[in-house]
Amino acid sequence: MSNDLGVAGRPVLAASIADQLHDVLRHRITTGVMAPGSRIDSGAIAAEFGVSKTPIRDALIKLEHERLVETRPRSGSFVVRPTRQDVHEVCQLRKGLEWLATGIAAQKMSTAQIADLRAQAVAALEAAEAGDFEPFFESDTRLHREIIEFTGNSRLIASRSSVEPFVYWLRVLGATGANRIAGSTARHLKILDAMAERDVAAAQSHAATHLDEIEEWTLDDMSSRLIAT
Protein backbone atom coordinates (compact mmCIF):
# COMPACT_ATOMS: atom_id res chain seq x y z
CA MET A 1 0.00 0.00 0.00
CA SER A 2 1.44 3.39 -0.98
CA ASN A 3 0.68 7.07 -1.48
CA ASP A 4 -2.12 8.45 0.71
CA LEU A 5 -3.72 5.13 1.69
CA GLY A 6 -3.09 3.31 4.92
CA VAL A 7 -0.88 4.10 7.89
CA ALA A 8 2.86 3.52 7.65
CA GLY A 9 3.98 0.29 9.30
CA ARG A 10 0.49 -1.05 9.88
CA PRO A 11 -1.38 -3.70 7.87
CA VAL A 12 -4.60 -2.55 6.20
CA LEU A 13 -7.58 -4.85 5.73
CA ALA A 14 -9.07 -5.23 2.24
CA ALA A 15 -12.38 -3.70 3.33
CA SER A 16 -10.50 -0.71 4.72
CA ILE A 17 -8.59 -0.33 1.46
CA ALA A 18 -11.86 -0.03 -0.45
CA ASP A 19 -13.12 2.58 2.02
CA GLN A 20 -9.92 4.59 1.75
CA LEU A 21 -9.93 4.40 -2.04
CA HIS A 22 -13.53 5.58 -1.98
CA ASP A 23 -12.56 8.58 0.16
CA VAL A 24 -9.59 9.48 -2.04
CA LEU A 25 -11.53 9.19 -5.30
CA ARG A 26 -14.52 11.06 -3.89
CA HIS A 27 -12.23 13.89 -2.81
CA ARG A 28 -10.66 14.06 -6.26
CA ILE A 29 -14.08 14.17 -7.91
CA THR A 30 -15.68 16.71 -5.58
CA THR A 31 -12.69 19.06 -5.70
CA GLY A 32 -12.55 18.97 -9.50
CA VAL A 33 -9.26 17.06 -9.81
CA MET A 34 -11.17 14.41 -11.77
CA ALA A 35 -13.32 16.33 -14.23
CA PRO A 36 -17.00 15.61 -14.97
CA GLY A 37 -17.26 13.15 -17.84
CA SER A 38 -13.70 11.89 -17.47
CA ARG A 39 -12.98 8.16 -17.67
CA ILE A 40 -11.74 6.47 -14.51
CA ASP A 41 -8.69 4.33 -15.27
CA SER A 42 -8.80 1.43 -12.79
CA GLY A 43 -5.44 0.16 -13.99
CA ALA A 44 -3.77 3.49 -13.29
CA ILE A 45 -5.37 3.66 -9.84
CA ALA A 46 -4.20 0.11 -9.07
CA ALA A 47 -0.66 1.04 -10.08
CA GLU A 48 -0.71 4.33 -8.17
CA PHE A 49 -1.78 2.79 -4.87
CA GLY A 50 -0.39 -0.73 -5.25
CA VAL A 51 -3.76 -2.45 -4.88
CA SER A 52 -5.75 -5.03 -6.80
CA LYS A 53 -8.81 -4.09 -8.84
CA THR A 54 -11.21 -5.65 -6.31
CA PRO A 55 -11.15 -2.78 -3.77
CA ILE A 56 -11.22 -0.31 -6.67
CA ARG A 57 -14.40 -1.94 -7.96
CA ASP A 58 -15.94 -1.79 -4.47
CA ALA A 59 -15.01 1.88 -4.14
CA LEU A 60 -16.56 2.67 -7.52
CA ILE A 61 -19.79 0.92 -6.52
CA LYS A 62 -20.05 3.20 -3.48
CA LEU A 63 -19.39 6.23 -5.67
CA GLU A 64 -22.16 5.09 -8.02
CA HIS A 65 -24.56 4.97 -5.07
CA GLU A 66 -23.59 8.57 -4.30
CA ARG A 67 -24.35 9.52 -7.93
CA LEU A 68 -20.76 10.65 -8.52
CA VAL A 69 -19.76 7.84 -10.90
CA GLU A 70 -21.57 5.96 -13.64
CA THR A 71 -20.67 2.68 -15.35
CA ARG A 72 -21.30 2.41 -19.07
CA PRO A 73 -21.58 -1.03 -20.70
CA ARG A 74 -18.38 -2.01 -22.53
CA SER A 75 -16.92 1.45 -21.82
CA GLY A 76 -15.98 1.50 -18.15
CA SER A 77 -16.57 3.92 -15.28
CA PHE A 78 -16.82 7.68 -15.68
CA VAL A 79 -17.22 10.71 -13.45
CA VAL A 80 -20.83 11.80 -13.77
CA ARG A 81 -21.82 14.96 -15.62
CA PRO A 82 -24.44 16.63 -13.40
CA THR A 83 -27.79 17.05 -15.14
CA ARG A 84 -30.52 19.61 -14.60
CA GLN A 85 -32.61 16.89 -12.98
CA ASP A 86 -29.75 16.08 -10.57
CA VAL A 87 -29.58 19.72 -9.48
CA HIS A 88 -33.36 19.97 -9.12
CA GLU A 89 -33.67 16.79 -7.06
CA VAL A 90 -30.84 17.70 -4.69
CA CYS A 91 -32.16 21.24 -4.16
CA GLN A 92 -35.71 19.97 -3.66
CA LEU A 93 -34.55 17.53 -0.98
CA ARG A 94 -32.42 20.18 0.72
CA LYS A 95 -35.29 22.67 0.66
CA GLY A 96 -37.56 20.37 2.63
CA LEU A 97 -34.90 19.31 5.12
CA GLU A 98 -33.44 22.76 5.70
CA TRP A 99 -36.83 24.47 6.01
CA LEU A 100 -37.63 22.13 8.89
CA ALA A 101 -34.18 22.38 10.47
CA THR A 102 -34.07 26.17 10.26
CA GLY A 103 -37.36 26.40 12.13
CA ILE A 104 -35.95 24.31 14.97
CA ALA A 105 -32.65 26.21 15.06
CA ALA A 106 -34.43 29.57 15.06
CA GLN A 107 -36.11 28.60 18.30
CA LYS A 108 -33.22 26.99 20.15
CA MET A 109 -29.76 27.79 18.75
CA SER A 110 -27.78 30.03 21.11
CA THR A 111 -27.26 33.69 20.30
CA ALA A 112 -23.49 33.16 20.53
CA GLN A 113 -23.53 30.33 17.98
CA ILE A 114 -25.65 32.38 15.58
CA ALA A 115 -23.27 35.34 15.97
CA ASP A 116 -20.26 33.10 15.30
CA LEU A 117 -21.81 31.77 12.09
CA ARG A 118 -22.62 35.32 11.02
CA ALA A 119 -19.08 36.55 11.64
CA GLN A 120 -17.62 33.68 9.62
CA ALA A 121 -20.01 34.39 6.73
CA VAL A 122 -18.95 38.05 6.59
CA ALA A 123 -15.24 37.14 6.75
CA ALA A 124 -15.71 34.56 3.99
CA LEU A 125 -17.31 37.15 1.71
CA GLU A 126 -14.37 39.50 2.26
CA ALA A 127 -11.93 36.70 1.41
CA ALA A 128 -13.88 35.81 -1.75
CA GLU A 129 -13.83 39.43 -2.87
CA ALA A 130 -10.03 39.21 -2.60
CA GLY A 131 -9.99 36.08 -4.77
CA ASP A 132 -9.84 33.39 -2.06
CA PHE A 133 -12.94 31.21 -2.37
CA GLU A 134 -12.08 28.42 0.09
CA PRO A 135 -13.32 30.31 3.19
CA PHE A 136 -16.69 30.74 1.46
CA PHE A 137 -16.97 27.01 0.78
CA GLU A 138 -16.06 26.30 4.41
CA SER A 139 -18.50 28.87 5.79
CA ASP A 140 -21.30 27.74 3.49
CA THR A 141 -20.78 24.08 4.40
CA ARG A 142 -20.58 24.84 8.12
CA LEU A 143 -23.72 27.00 8.18
CA HIS A 144 -25.95 24.46 6.48
CA ARG A 145 -24.44 21.51 8.35
CA GLU A 146 -24.73 23.07 11.81
CA ILE A 147 -28.35 24.05 11.29
CA ILE A 148 -29.14 20.49 10.23
CA GLU A 149 -27.14 18.88 13.05
CA PHE A 150 -28.67 21.18 15.64
CA THR A 151 -32.00 19.39 15.21
CA GLY A 152 -30.59 16.23 16.79
CA ASN A 153 -32.82 14.27 14.40
CA SER A 154 -30.64 11.36 13.29
CA ARG A 155 -32.80 10.52 10.26
CA LEU A 156 -32.89 14.11 9.05
CA ILE A 157 -29.12 14.36 9.52
CA ALA A 158 -28.57 11.09 7.62
CA SER A 159 -30.78 12.27 4.75
CA ARG A 160 -28.77 15.47 4.43
CA SER A 161 -25.45 13.62 4.77
CA SER A 162 -26.40 11.29 1.91
CA VAL A 163 -26.20 14.16 -0.59
CA GLU A 164 -23.39 16.15 1.06
CA PRO A 165 -20.62 15.02 -1.36
CA PHE A 166 -22.80 15.91 -4.35
CA VAL A 167 -23.74 19.27 -2.79
CA TYR A 168 -20.09 20.14 -2.15
CA TRP A 169 -19.21 19.11 -5.71
CA LEU A 170 -21.85 21.42 -7.17
CA ARG A 171 -20.46 24.28 -5.07
CA VAL A 172 -16.96 23.73 -6.41
CA LEU A 173 -18.13 23.39 -10.02
CA GLY A 174 -20.40 26.39 -10.15
CA ALA A 175 -20.23 28.65 -7.10
CA THR A 176 -17.25 30.92 -7.65
CA GLY A 177 -19.00 33.76 -9.46
CA ALA A 178 -18.84 37.05 -7.55
CA ASN A 179 -22.59 37.61 -7.80
CA ARG A 180 -23.31 34.06 -6.63
CA ILE A 181 -21.12 34.38 -3.55
CA ALA A 182 -22.46 37.83 -2.66
CA GLY A 183 -26.03 36.63 -3.14
CA SER A 184 -25.51 33.52 -1.03
CA THR A 185 -23.88 35.49 1.76
CA ALA A 186 -26.66 38.09 1.77
CA ARG A 187 -29.24 35.32 2.11
CA HIS A 188 -27.21 33.58 4.83
CA LEU A 189 -27.18 36.82 6.82
CA LYS A 190 -30.95 37.20 6.44
CA ILE A 191 -31.44 33.64 7.70
CA LEU A 192 -29.13 34.20 10.66
CA ASP A 193 -30.60 37.61 11.53
CA ALA A 194 -34.11 36.13 11.55
CA MET A 195 -32.86 33.29 13.75
CA ALA A 196 -31.26 35.78 16.15
CA GLU A 197 -34.61 37.56 16.40
CA ARG A 198 -36.36 34.19 16.97
CA ASP A 199 -38.55 34.88 13.95
CA VAL A 200 -39.21 31.29 12.89
CA ALA A 201 -41.42 32.10 9.90
CA ALA A 202 -38.95 34.60 8.44
CA ALA A 203 -35.98 32.28 8.95
CA GLN A 204 -37.79 29.42 7.22
CA SER A 205 -38.93 31.67 4.39
CA HIS A 206 -35.37 32.86 3.76
CA ALA A 207 -34.09 29.26 3.92
CA ALA A 208 -36.62 28.11 1.30
CA THR A 209 -35.89 31.09 -0.94
CA HIS A 210 -32.17 30.40 -0.61
CA LEU A 211 -32.57 26.87 -1.97
CA ASP A 212 -34.63 28.19 -4.89
CA GLU A 213 -31.82 30.68 -5.57
CA ILE A 214 -29.18 27.98 -5.30
CA GLU A 215 -30.97 25.89 -7.92
CA GLU A 216 -31.31 28.84 -10.28
CA TRP A 217 -27.73 30.01 -9.80
CA THR A 218 -26.29 26.52 -10.17
CA LEU A 219 -28.14 25.89 -13.42
CA ASP A 220 -27.05 29.27 -14.78
CA ASP A 221 -23.42 28.71 -13.75
CA MET A 222 -23.18 25.22 -15.21
CA SER A 223 -25.47 25.24 -18.25
CA SER A 224 -22.79 26.06 -20.80
CA ARG A 225 -20.06 23.85 -19.33
CA LEU A 226 -21.15 20.76 -17.48
CA ILE A 227 -24.85 19.99 -17.37
CA ALA A 228 -26.25 17.59 -19.95
CA THR A 229 -29.54 18.95 -21.29
C-alpha atoms as a PDB file:
ATOM      1  CA  MET A   1       0.000   0.000   0.000  1.00  0.00           C
ATOM      2  CA  SER A   2       1.437   3.386  -0.983  1.00  0.00           C
ATOM      3  CA  ASN A   3       0.682   7.069  -1.476  1.00  0.00           C
ATOM      4  CA  ASP A   4      -2.125   8.451   0.714  1.00  0.00           C
ATOM      5  CA  LEU A   5      -3.719   5.131   1.688  1.00  0.00           C
ATOM      6  CA  GLY A   6      -3.089   3.306   4.922  1.00  0.00           C
ATOM      7  CA  VAL A   7      -0.879   4.100   7.890  1.00  0.00           C
ATOM      8  CA  ALA A   8       2.860   3.519   7.646  1.00  0.00           C
ATOM      9  CA  GLY A   9       3.981   0.292   9.295  1.00  0.00           C
ATOM     10  CA  ARG A  10       0.492  -1.053   9.881  1.00  0.00           C
ATOM     11  CA  PRO A  11      -1.376  -3.699   7.866  1.00  0.00           C
ATOM     12  CA  VAL A  12      -4.597  -2.549   6.196  1.00  0.00           C
ATOM     13  CA  LEU A  13      -7.583  -4.848   5.725  1.00  0.00           C
ATOM     14  CA  ALA A  14      -9.071  -5.227   2.239  1.00  0.00           C
ATOM     15  CA  ALA A  15     -12.383  -3.702   3.332  1.00  0.00           C
ATOM     16  CA  SER A  16     -10.496  -0.705   4.723  1.00  0.00           C
ATOM     17  CA  ILE A  17      -8.588  -0.328   1.455  1.00  0.00           C
ATOM     18  CA  ALA A  18     -11.865  -0.030  -0.449  1.00  0.00           C
ATOM     19  CA  ASP A  19     -13.119   2.583   2.015  1.00  0.00           C
ATOM     20  CA  GLN A  20      -9.917   4.586   1.751  1.00  0.00           C
ATOM     21  CA  LEU A  21      -9.928   4.404  -2.040  1.00  0.00           C
ATOM     22  CA  HIS A  22     -13.532   5.577  -1.980  1.00  0.00           C
ATOM     23  CA  ASP A  23     -12.562   8.584   0.157  1.00  0.00           C
ATOM     24  CA  VAL A  24      -9.586   9.482  -2.042  1.00  0.00           C
ATOM     25  CA  LEU A  25     -11.527   9.194  -5.304  1.00  0.00           C
ATOM     26  CA  ARG A  26     -14.519  11.061  -3.893  1.00  0.00           C
ATOM     27  CA  HIS A  27     -12.229  13.892  -2.805  1.00  0.00           C
ATOM     28  CA  ARG A  28     -10.660  14.058  -6.263  1.00  0.00           C
ATOM     29  CA  ILE A  29     -14.081  14.173  -7.909  1.00  0.00           C
ATOM     30  CA  THR A  30     -15.681  16.710  -5.583  1.00  0.00           C
ATOM     31  CA  THR A  31     -12.689  19.056  -5.701  1.00  0.00           C
ATOM     32  CA  GLY A  32     -12.546  18.971  -9.500  1.00  0.00           C
ATOM     33  CA  VAL A  33      -9.262  17.064  -9.809  1.00  0.00           C
ATOM     34  CA  MET A  34     -11.171  14.410 -11.768  1.00  0.00           C
ATOM     35  CA  ALA A  35     -13.320  16.333 -14.229  1.00  0.00           C
ATOM     36  CA  PRO A  36     -16.998  15.610 -14.968  1.00  0.00           C
ATOM     37  CA  GLY A  37     -17.263  13.149 -17.838  1.00  0.00           C
ATOM     38  CA  SER A  38     -13.695  11.888 -17.474  1.00  0.00           C
ATOM     39  CA  ARG A  39     -12.983   8.158 -17.673  1.00  0.00           C
ATOM     40  CA  ILE A  40     -11.739   6.465 -14.509  1.00  0.00           C
ATOM     41  CA  ASP A  41      -8.693   4.328 -15.266  1.00  0.00           C
ATOM     42  CA  SER A  42      -8.799   1.433 -12.789  1.00  0.00           C
ATOM     43  CA  GLY A  43      -5.438   0.164 -13.990  1.00  0.00           C
ATOM     44  CA  ALA A  44      -3.768   3.494 -13.292  1.00  0.00           C
ATOM     45  CA  ILE A  45      -5.370   3.657  -9.844  1.00  0.00           C
ATOM     46  CA  ALA A  46      -4.199   0.114  -9.073  1.00  0.00           C
ATOM     47  CA  ALA A  47      -0.657   1.040 -10.078  1.00  0.00           C
ATOM     48  CA  GLU A  48      -0.710   4.326  -8.168  1.00  0.00           C
ATOM     49  CA  PHE A  49      -1.779   2.786  -4.868  1.00  0.00           C
ATOM     50  CA  GLY A  50      -0.390  -0.726  -5.251  1.00  0.00           C
ATOM     51  CA  VAL A  51      -3.756  -2.452  -4.878  1.00  0.00           C
ATOM     52  CA  SER A  52      -5.753  -5.033  -6.802  1.00  0.00           C
ATOM     53  CA  LYS A  53      -8.806  -4.094  -8.842  1.00  0.00           C
ATOM     54  CA  THR A  54     -11.210  -5.648  -6.311  1.00  0.00           C
ATOM     55  CA  PRO A  55     -11.155  -2.780  -3.772  1.00  0.00           C
ATOM     56  CA  ILE A  56     -11.222  -0.311  -6.666  1.00  0.00           C
ATOM     57  CA  ARG A  57     -14.398  -1.941  -7.956  1.00  0.00           C
ATOM     58  CA  ASP A  58     -15.940  -1.792  -4.473  1.00  0.00           C
ATOM     59  CA  ALA A  59     -15.009   1.882  -4.140  1.00  0.00           C
ATOM     60  CA  LEU A  60     -16.560   2.671  -7.523  1.00  0.00           C
ATOM     61  CA  ILE A  61     -19.787   0.917  -6.518  1.00  0.00           C
ATOM     62  CA  LYS A  62     -20.051   3.199  -3.480  1.00  0.00           C
ATOM     63  CA  LEU A  63     -19.393   6.231  -5.670  1.00  0.00           C
ATOM     64  CA  GLU A  64     -22.162   5.085  -8.017  1.00  0.00           C
ATOM     65  CA  HIS A  65     -24.563   4.970  -5.071  1.00  0.00           C
ATOM     66  CA  GLU A  66     -23.590   8.573  -4.303  1.00  0.00           C
ATOM     67  CA  ARG A  67     -24.347   9.524  -7.931  1.00  0.00           C
ATOM     68  CA  LEU A  68     -20.761  10.650  -8.522  1.00  0.00           C
ATOM     69  CA  VAL A  69     -19.756   7.845 -10.897  1.00  0.00           C
ATOM     70  CA  GLU A  70     -21.566   5.958 -13.641  1.00  0.00           C
ATOM     71  CA  THR A  71     -20.674   2.684 -15.348  1.00  0.00           C
ATOM     72  CA  ARG A  72     -21.303   2.408 -19.073  1.00  0.00           C
ATOM     73  CA  PRO A  73     -21.576  -1.031 -20.698  1.00  0.00           C
ATOM     74  CA  ARG A  74     -18.379  -2.005 -22.532  1.00  0.00           C
ATOM     75  CA  SER A  75     -16.919   1.448 -21.824  1.00  0.00           C
ATOM     76  CA  GLY A  76     -15.984   1.503 -18.147  1.00  0.00           C
ATOM     77  CA  SER A  77     -16.567   3.921 -15.278  1.00  0.00           C
ATOM     78  CA  PHE A  78     -16.819   7.682 -15.682  1.00  0.00           C
ATOM     79  CA  VAL A  79     -17.216  10.712 -13.454  1.00  0.00           C
ATOM     80  CA  VAL A  80     -20.834  11.802 -13.769  1.00  0.00           C
ATOM     81  CA  ARG A  81     -21.816  14.965 -15.617  1.00  0.00           C
ATOM     82  CA  PRO A  82     -24.443  16.628 -13.396  1.00  0.00           C
ATOM     83  CA  THR A  83     -27.789  17.046 -15.135  1.00  0.00           C
ATOM     84  CA  ARG A  84     -30.524  19.610 -14.597  1.00  0.00           C
ATOM     85  CA  GLN A  85     -32.606  16.891 -12.978  1.00  0.00           C
ATOM     86  CA  ASP A  86     -29.753  16.085 -10.567  1.00  0.00           C
ATOM     87  CA  VAL A  87     -29.577  19.718  -9.482  1.00  0.00           C
ATOM     88  CA  HIS A  88     -33.357  19.975  -9.122  1.00  0.00           C
ATOM     89  CA  GLU A  89     -33.667  16.792  -7.064  1.00  0.00           C
ATOM     90  CA  VAL A  90     -30.841  17.701  -4.691  1.00  0.00           C
ATOM     91  CA  CYS A  91     -32.157  21.237  -4.163  1.00  0.00           C
ATOM     92  CA  GLN A  92     -35.707  19.970  -3.663  1.00  0.00           C
ATOM     93  CA  LEU A  93     -34.546  17.532  -0.981  1.00  0.00           C
ATOM     94  CA  ARG A  94     -32.425  20.176   0.723  1.00  0.00           C
ATOM     95  CA  LYS A  95     -35.287  22.667   0.664  1.00  0.00           C
ATOM     96  CA  GLY A  96     -37.558  20.369   2.632  1.00  0.00           C
ATOM     97  CA  LEU A  97     -34.898  19.315   5.125  1.00  0.00           C
ATOM     98  CA  GLU A  98     -33.444  22.762   5.704  1.00  0.00           C
ATOM     99  CA  TRP A  99     -36.834  24.471   6.012  1.00  0.00           C
ATOM    100  CA  LEU A 100     -37.630  22.134   8.894  1.00  0.00           C
ATOM    101  CA  ALA A 101     -34.177  22.380  10.471  1.00  0.00           C
ATOM    102  CA  THR A 102     -34.068  26.174  10.259  1.00  0.00           C
ATOM    103  CA  GLY A 103     -37.359  26.401  12.130  1.00  0.00           C
ATOM    104  CA  ILE A 104     -35.954  24.314  14.971  1.00  0.00           C
ATOM    105  CA  ALA A 105     -32.652  26.208  15.059  1.00  0.00           C
ATOM    106  CA  ALA A 106     -34.430  29.570  15.062  1.00  0.00           C
ATOM    107  CA  GLN A 107     -36.112  28.605  18.303  1.00  0.00           C
ATOM    108  CA  LYS A 108     -33.221  26.985  20.147  1.00  0.00           C
ATOM    109  CA  MET A 109     -29.760  27.794  18.749  1.00  0.00           C
ATOM    110  CA  SER A 110     -27.779  30.027  21.105  1.00  0.00           C
ATOM    111  CA  THR A 111     -27.259  33.690  20.296  1.00  0.00           C
ATOM    112  CA  ALA A 112     -23.493  33.160  20.535  1.00  0.00           C
ATOM    113  CA  GLN A 113     -23.533  30.327  17.982  1.00  0.00           C
ATOM    114  CA  ILE A 114     -25.646  32.375  15.578  1.00  0.00           C
ATOM    115  CA  ALA A 115     -23.272  35.341  15.971  1.00  0.00           C
ATOM    116  CA  ASP A 116     -20.263  33.105  15.300  1.00  0.00           C
ATOM    117  CA  LEU A 117     -21.814  31.772  12.087  1.00  0.00           C
ATOM    118  CA  ARG A 118     -22.623  35.319  11.021  1.00  0.00           C
ATOM    119  CA  ALA A 119     -19.080  36.554  11.641  1.00  0.00           C
ATOM    120  CA  GLN A 120     -17.620  33.684   9.616  1.00  0.00           C
ATOM    121  CA  ALA A 121     -20.007  34.391   6.726  1.00  0.00           C
ATOM    122  CA  VAL A 122     -18.951  38.054   6.594  1.00  0.00           C
ATOM    123  CA  ALA A 123     -15.242  37.143   6.755  1.00  0.00           C
ATOM    124  CA  ALA A 124     -15.707  34.560   3.990  1.00  0.00           C
ATOM    125  CA  LEU A 125     -17.309  37.149   1.713  1.00  0.00           C
ATOM    126  CA  GLU A 126     -14.369  39.503   2.264  1.00  0.00           C
ATOM    127  CA  ALA A 127     -11.932  36.698   1.409  1.00  0.00           C
ATOM    128  CA  ALA A 128     -13.883  35.815  -1.753  1.00  0.00           C
ATOM    129  CA  GLU A 129     -13.832  39.432  -2.870  1.00  0.00           C
ATOM    130  CA  ALA A 130     -10.032  39.214  -2.595  1.00  0.00           C
ATOM    131  CA  GLY A 131      -9.991  36.077  -4.768  1.00  0.00           C
ATOM    132  CA  ASP A 132      -9.837  33.389  -2.065  1.00  0.00           C
ATOM    133  CA  PHE A 133     -12.944  31.206  -2.370  1.00  0.00           C
ATOM    134  CA  GLU A 134     -12.075  28.420   0.087  1.00  0.00           C
ATOM    135  CA  PRO A 135     -13.321  30.314   3.188  1.00  0.00           C
ATOM    136  CA  PHE A 136     -16.688  30.740   1.455  1.00  0.00           C
ATOM    137  CA  PHE A 137     -16.972  27.006   0.776  1.00  0.00           C
ATOM    138  CA  GLU A 138     -16.057  26.299   4.406  1.00  0.00           C
ATOM    139  CA  SER A 139     -18.501  28.870   5.785  1.00  0.00           C
ATOM    140  CA  ASP A 140     -21.303  27.736   3.492  1.00  0.00           C
ATOM    141  CA  THR A 141     -20.785  24.083   4.403  1.00  0.00           C
ATOM    142  CA  ARG A 142     -20.585  24.836   8.120  1.00  0.00           C
ATOM    143  CA  LEU A 143     -23.722  27.004   8.181  1.00  0.00           C
ATOM    144  CA  HIS A 144     -25.951  24.461   6.478  1.00  0.00           C
ATOM    145  CA  ARG A 145     -24.438  21.510   8.353  1.00  0.00           C
ATOM    146  CA  GLU A 146     -24.728  23.072  11.814  1.00  0.00           C
ATOM    147  CA  ILE A 147     -28.349  24.055  11.287  1.00  0.00           C
ATOM    148  CA  ILE A 148     -29.141  20.486  10.230  1.00  0.00           C
ATOM    149  CA  GLU A 149     -27.140  18.880  13.049  1.00  0.00           C
ATOM    150  CA  PHE A 150     -28.674  21.185  15.644  1.00  0.00           C
ATOM    151  CA  THR A 151     -32.005  19.390  15.210  1.00  0.00           C
ATOM    152  CA  GLY A 152     -30.587  16.232  16.793  1.00  0.00           C
ATOM    153  CA  ASN A 153     -32.818  14.272  14.405  1.00  0.00           C
ATOM    154  CA  SER A 154     -30.644  11.357  13.285  1.00  0.00           C
ATOM    155  CA  ARG A 155     -32.795  10.524  10.257  1.00  0.00           C
ATOM    156  CA  LEU A 156     -32.892  14.106   9.054  1.00  0.00           C
ATOM    157  CA  ILE A 157     -29.120  14.355   9.517  1.00  0.00           C
ATOM    158  CA  ALA A 158     -28.574  11.085   7.621  1.00  0.00           C
ATOM    159  CA  SER A 159     -30.777  12.267   4.748  1.00  0.00           C
ATOM    160  CA  ARG A 160     -28.767  15.470   4.428  1.00  0.00           C
ATOM    161  CA  SER A 161     -25.447  13.621   4.769  1.00  0.00           C
ATOM    162  CA  SER A 162     -26.396  11.286   1.913  1.00  0.00           C
ATOM    163  CA  VAL A 163     -26.202  14.156  -0.589  1.00  0.00           C
ATOM    164  CA  GLU A 164     -23.385  16.155   1.064  1.00  0.00           C
ATOM    165  CA  PRO A 165     -20.616  15.017  -1.360  1.00  0.00           C
ATOM    166  CA  PHE A 166     -22.795  15.914  -4.348  1.00  0.00           C
ATOM    167  CA  VAL A 167     -23.735  19.265  -2.795  1.00  0.00           C
ATOM    168  CA  TYR A 168     -20.091  20.136  -2.152  1.00  0.00           C
ATOM    169  CA  TRP A 169     -19.207  19.110  -5.715  1.00  0.00           C
ATOM    170  CA  LEU A 170     -21.851  21.423  -7.170  1.00  0.00           C
ATOM    171  CA  ARG A 171     -20.463  24.277  -5.065  1.00  0.00           C
ATOM    172  CA  VAL A 172     -16.962  23.734  -6.413  1.00  0.00           C
ATOM    173  CA  LEU A 173     -18.127  23.393 -10.017  1.00  0.00           C
ATOM    174  CA  GLY A 174     -20.398  26.392 -10.146  1.00  0.00           C
ATOM    175  CA  ALA A 175     -20.226  28.651  -7.103  1.00  0.00           C
ATOM    176  CA  THR A 176     -17.247  30.917  -7.645  1.00  0.00           C
ATOM    177  CA  GLY A 177     -19.002  33.758  -9.456  1.00  0.00           C
ATOM    178  CA  ALA A 178     -18.838  37.054  -7.549  1.00  0.00           C
ATOM    179  CA  ASN A 179     -22.587  37.612  -7.801  1.00  0.00           C
ATOM    180  CA  ARG A 180     -23.310  34.059  -6.626  1.00  0.00           C
ATOM    181  CA  ILE A 181     -21.123  34.376  -3.546  1.00  0.00           C
ATOM    182  CA  ALA A 182     -22.456  37.827  -2.663  1.00  0.00           C
ATOM    183  CA  GLY A 183     -26.031  36.627  -3.144  1.00  0.00           C
ATOM    184  CA  SER A 184     -25.514  33.519  -1.027  1.00  0.00           C
ATOM    185  CA  THR A 185     -23.876  35.494   1.763  1.00  0.00           C
ATOM    186  CA  ALA A 186     -26.657  38.088   1.765  1.00  0.00           C
ATOM    187  CA  ARG A 187     -29.238  35.317   2.108  1.00  0.00           C
ATOM    188  CA  HIS A 188     -27.206  33.584   4.829  1.00  0.00           C
ATOM    189  CA  LEU A 189     -27.181  36.817   6.818  1.00  0.00           C
ATOM    190  CA  LYS A 190     -30.948  37.203   6.439  1.00  0.00           C
ATOM    191  CA  ILE A 191     -31.444  33.641   7.702  1.00  0.00           C
ATOM    192  CA  LEU A 192     -29.126  34.205  10.659  1.00  0.00           C
ATOM    193  CA  ASP A 193     -30.599  37.609  11.529  1.00  0.00           C
ATOM    194  CA  ALA A 194     -34.105  36.133  11.553  1.00  0.00           C
ATOM    195  CA  MET A 195     -32.858  33.286  13.745  1.00  0.00           C
ATOM    196  CA  ALA A 196     -31.259  35.778  16.145  1.00  0.00           C
ATOM    197  CA  GLU A 197     -34.610  37.563  16.402  1.00  0.00           C
ATOM    198  CA  ARG A 198     -36.357  34.187  16.966  1.00  0.00           C
ATOM    199  CA  ASP A 199     -38.552  34.881  13.945  1.00  0.00           C
ATOM    200  CA  VAL A 200     -39.205  31.294  12.891  1.00  0.00           C
ATOM    201  CA  ALA A 201     -41.418  32.103   9.900  1.00  0.00           C
ATOM    202  CA  ALA A 202     -38.948  34.604   8.438  1.00  0.00           C
ATOM    203  CA  ALA A 203     -35.978  32.280   8.952  1.00  0.00           C
ATOM    204  CA  GLN A 204     -37.794  29.416   7.218  1.00  0.00           C
ATOM    205  CA  SER A 205     -38.927  31.669   4.386  1.00  0.00           C
ATOM    206  CA  HIS A 206     -35.367  32.857   3.760  1.00  0.00           C
ATOM    207  CA  ALA A 207     -34.088  29.261   3.917  1.00  0.00           C
ATOM    208  CA  ALA A 208     -36.619  28.112   1.301  1.00  0.00           C
ATOM    209  CA  THR A 209     -35.890  31.091  -0.935  1.00  0.00           C
ATOM    210  CA  HIS A 210     -32.171  30.400  -0.609  1.00  0.00           C
ATOM    211  CA  LEU A 211     -32.574  26.867  -1.970  1.00  0.00           C
ATOM    212  CA  ASP A 212     -34.630  28.195  -4.895  1.00  0.00           C
ATOM    213  CA  GLU A 213     -31.823  30.685  -5.567  1.00  0.00           C
ATOM    214  CA  ILE A 214     -29.177  27.976  -5.302  1.00  0.00           C
ATOM    215  CA  GLU A 215     -30.969  25.886  -7.916  1.00  0.00           C
ATOM    216  CA  GLU A 216     -31.314  28.842 -10.283  1.00  0.00           C
ATOM    217  CA  TRP A 217     -27.726  30.009  -9.796  1.00  0.00           C
ATOM    218  CA  THR A 218     -26.293  26.516 -10.174  1.00  0.00           C
ATOM    219  CA  LEU A 219     -28.143  25.886 -13.421  1.00  0.00           C
ATOM    220  CA  ASP A 220     -27.053  29.265 -14.780  1.00  0.00           C
ATOM    221  CA  ASP A 221     -23.424  28.709 -13.754  1.00  0.00           C
ATOM    222  CA  MET A 222     -23.184  25.225 -15.215  1.00  0.00           C
ATOM    223  CA  SER A 223     -25.468  25.240 -18.247  1.00  0.00           C
ATOM    224  CA  SER A 224     -22.786  26.064 -20.802  1.00  0.00           C
ATOM    225  CA  ARG A 225     -20.064  23.845 -19.328  1.00  0.00           C
ATOM    226  CA  LEU A 226     -21.148  20.761 -17.480  1.00  0.00           C
ATOM    227  CA  ILE A 227     -24.851  19.988 -17.375  1.00  0.00           C
ATOM    228  CA  ALA A 228     -26.249  17.589 -19.948  1.00  0.00           C
ATOM    229  CA  THR A 229     -29.544  18.948 -21.286  1.00  0.00           C
END
